[in-house]
């Protein structure tokens, strides 16, 4: 099983952050299905201030390219992503259209 870590920022607004967290306490079933159906077996999101950190553990069937294509073709995922963009903001180094950015592992014990 592979592990990926990704980062993204939220808009620095306490009310928006609270709303974002509330959505993530009751993620839509279609979104959960799209996550597990892509080969992601475990996912956690952590927050400090307005910085988000996601950990994904995936099986051998997972591919970022296939997940992206499936998400682009899924109207419910697109609705969720558009809604979440109200709360999210790209990292300063992101290219146009990039959201969650893959992090590089620099240490392991």
Protein backbone atom coordinates (compact mmCIF):
# COMPACT_ATOMS: atom_id res chain seq x y z
CA UNK A 1 0.00 0.00 0.00
CA UNK A 2 1.28 3.45 -0.91
CA UNK A 3 0.82 6.61 1.13
CA UNK A 4 0.51 10.10 -0.30
CA UNK A 5 0.45 13.37 1.63
CA UNK A 6 -1.04 16.51 0.16
CA UNK A 7 -1.50 20.11 1.29
CA UNK A 8 -4.00 22.85 0.58
CA UNK A 9 -5.01 26.09 2.30
CA UNK A 10 -8.38 27.33 3.42
CA UNK A 11 -9.39 30.95 3.20
CA UNK A 12 -8.31 32.54 6.46
CA UNK A 13 -11.81 33.19 7.80
CA UNK A 14 -13.04 31.52 11.01
CA UNK A 15 -16.66 31.24 9.83
CA UNK A 16 -15.68 29.69 6.49
CA UNK A 17 -13.32 27.26 8.22
CA UNK A 18 -16.12 26.20 10.60
CA UNK A 19 -18.46 25.64 7.64
CA UNK A 20 -15.80 23.61 5.83
CA UNK A 21 -15.31 21.39 8.87
CA UNK A 22 -19.07 20.92 9.21
CA UNK A 23 -19.28 19.67 5.61
CA UNK A 24 -16.51 17.20 6.39
CA UNK A 25 -18.43 15.81 9.36
CA UNK A 26 -21.11 14.68 6.89
CA UNK A 27 -19.40 14.13 3.55
CA UNK A 28 -21.89 13.28 0.83
CA UNK A 29 -22.17 9.52 0.18
CA UNK A 30 -21.38 10.01 -3.53
CA UNK A 31 -18.09 11.65 -2.57
CA UNK A 32 -17.17 8.80 -0.24
CA UNK A 33 -18.03 6.34 -3.02
CA UNK A 34 -15.82 8.20 -5.50
CA UNK A 35 -12.94 8.11 -3.01
CA UNK A 36 -13.17 4.43 -2.14
CA UNK A 37 -13.99 3.43 -5.71
CA UNK A 38 -10.73 4.94 -6.93
CA UNK A 39 -8.54 2.71 -4.78
CA UNK A 40 -8.15 5.03 -1.81
CA UNK A 41 -8.47 2.80 1.24
CA UNK A 42 -7.85 5.33 3.98
CA UNK A 43 -7.94 9.11 4.03
CA UNK A 44 -7.49 11.64 6.80
CA UNK A 45 -7.43 15.44 6.68
CA UNK A 46 -5.79 17.50 9.43
CA UNK A 47 -5.89 21.27 9.91
CA UNK A 48 -3.74 23.83 11.65
CA UNK A 49 -4.95 27.40 11.28
CA UNK A 50 -5.91 27.55 7.60
CA UNK A 51 -3.46 24.88 6.34
CA UNK A 52 -4.85 21.44 5.47
CA UNK A 53 -2.83 18.23 5.36
CA UNK A 54 -4.28 15.09 3.74
CA UNK A 55 -2.96 11.57 4.15
CA UNK A 56 -4.14 8.97 1.64
CA UNK A 57 -3.34 5.28 1.72
CA UNK A 58 -4.07 3.67 -1.63
CA UNK A 59 -4.06 0.19 -3.13
CA UNK A 60 -2.38 -0.88 -6.35
CA UNK A 61 -5.37 0.14 -8.50
CA UNK A 62 -5.09 3.83 -7.57
CA UNK A 63 -3.90 6.40 -10.09
CA UNK A 64 -4.08 10.19 -9.79
CA UNK A 65 -4.81 10.39 -13.52
CA UNK A 66 -7.71 7.90 -13.36
CA UNK A 67 -9.12 9.57 -10.23
CA UNK A 68 -8.97 12.96 -11.94
CA UNK A 69 -10.71 11.67 -15.08
CA UNK A 70 -13.42 9.89 -13.05
CA UNK A 71 -13.99 13.02 -10.95
CA UNK A 72 -14.24 15.22 -14.04
CA UNK A 73 -16.96 12.92 -15.42
CA UNK A 74 -18.94 12.77 -12.16
CA UNK A 75 -21.45 15.65 -11.78
CA UNK A 76 -21.83 15.11 -8.01
CA UNK A 77 -18.06 15.27 -7.48
CA UNK A 78 -17.93 18.43 -9.59
CA UNK A 79 -20.73 19.95 -7.48
CA UNK A 80 -18.79 19.08 -4.28
CA UNK A 81 -15.54 20.48 -5.67
CA UNK A 82 -17.22 23.73 -6.69
CA UNK A 83 -18.78 24.05 -3.23
CA UNK A 84 -15.46 23.30 -1.48
CA UNK A 85 -13.66 25.94 -3.57
CA UNK A 86 -15.74 28.53 -1.68
CA UNK A 87 -13.59 27.63 1.35
CA UNK A 88 -10.29 26.62 -0.22
CA UNK A 89 -7.44 28.59 -1.71
CA UNK A 90 -4.47 27.30 -3.61
CA UNK A 91 -1.03 27.23 -2.09
CA UNK A 92 1.15 30.15 -3.21
CA UNK A 93 3.21 27.85 -5.47
CA UNK A 94 0.18 26.26 -7.18
CA UNK A 95 -0.35 26.58 -10.90
CA UNK A 96 -3.78 27.77 -12.14
CA UNK A 97 -6.36 25.08 -11.44
CA UNK A 98 -4.22 23.16 -8.93
CA UNK A 99 -5.75 22.46 -5.54
CA UNK A 100 -4.34 19.72 -3.35
CA UNK A 101 -0.59 19.56 -3.91
CA UNK A 102 1.51 16.45 -3.40
CA UNK A 103 4.08 16.80 -0.64
CA UNK A 104 7.59 15.35 -0.72
CA UNK A 105 8.62 13.05 2.12
CA UNK A 106 11.85 14.37 3.61
CA UNK A 107 12.21 12.11 6.67
CA UNK A 108 11.18 8.66 7.83
CA UNK A 109 12.03 6.85 11.06
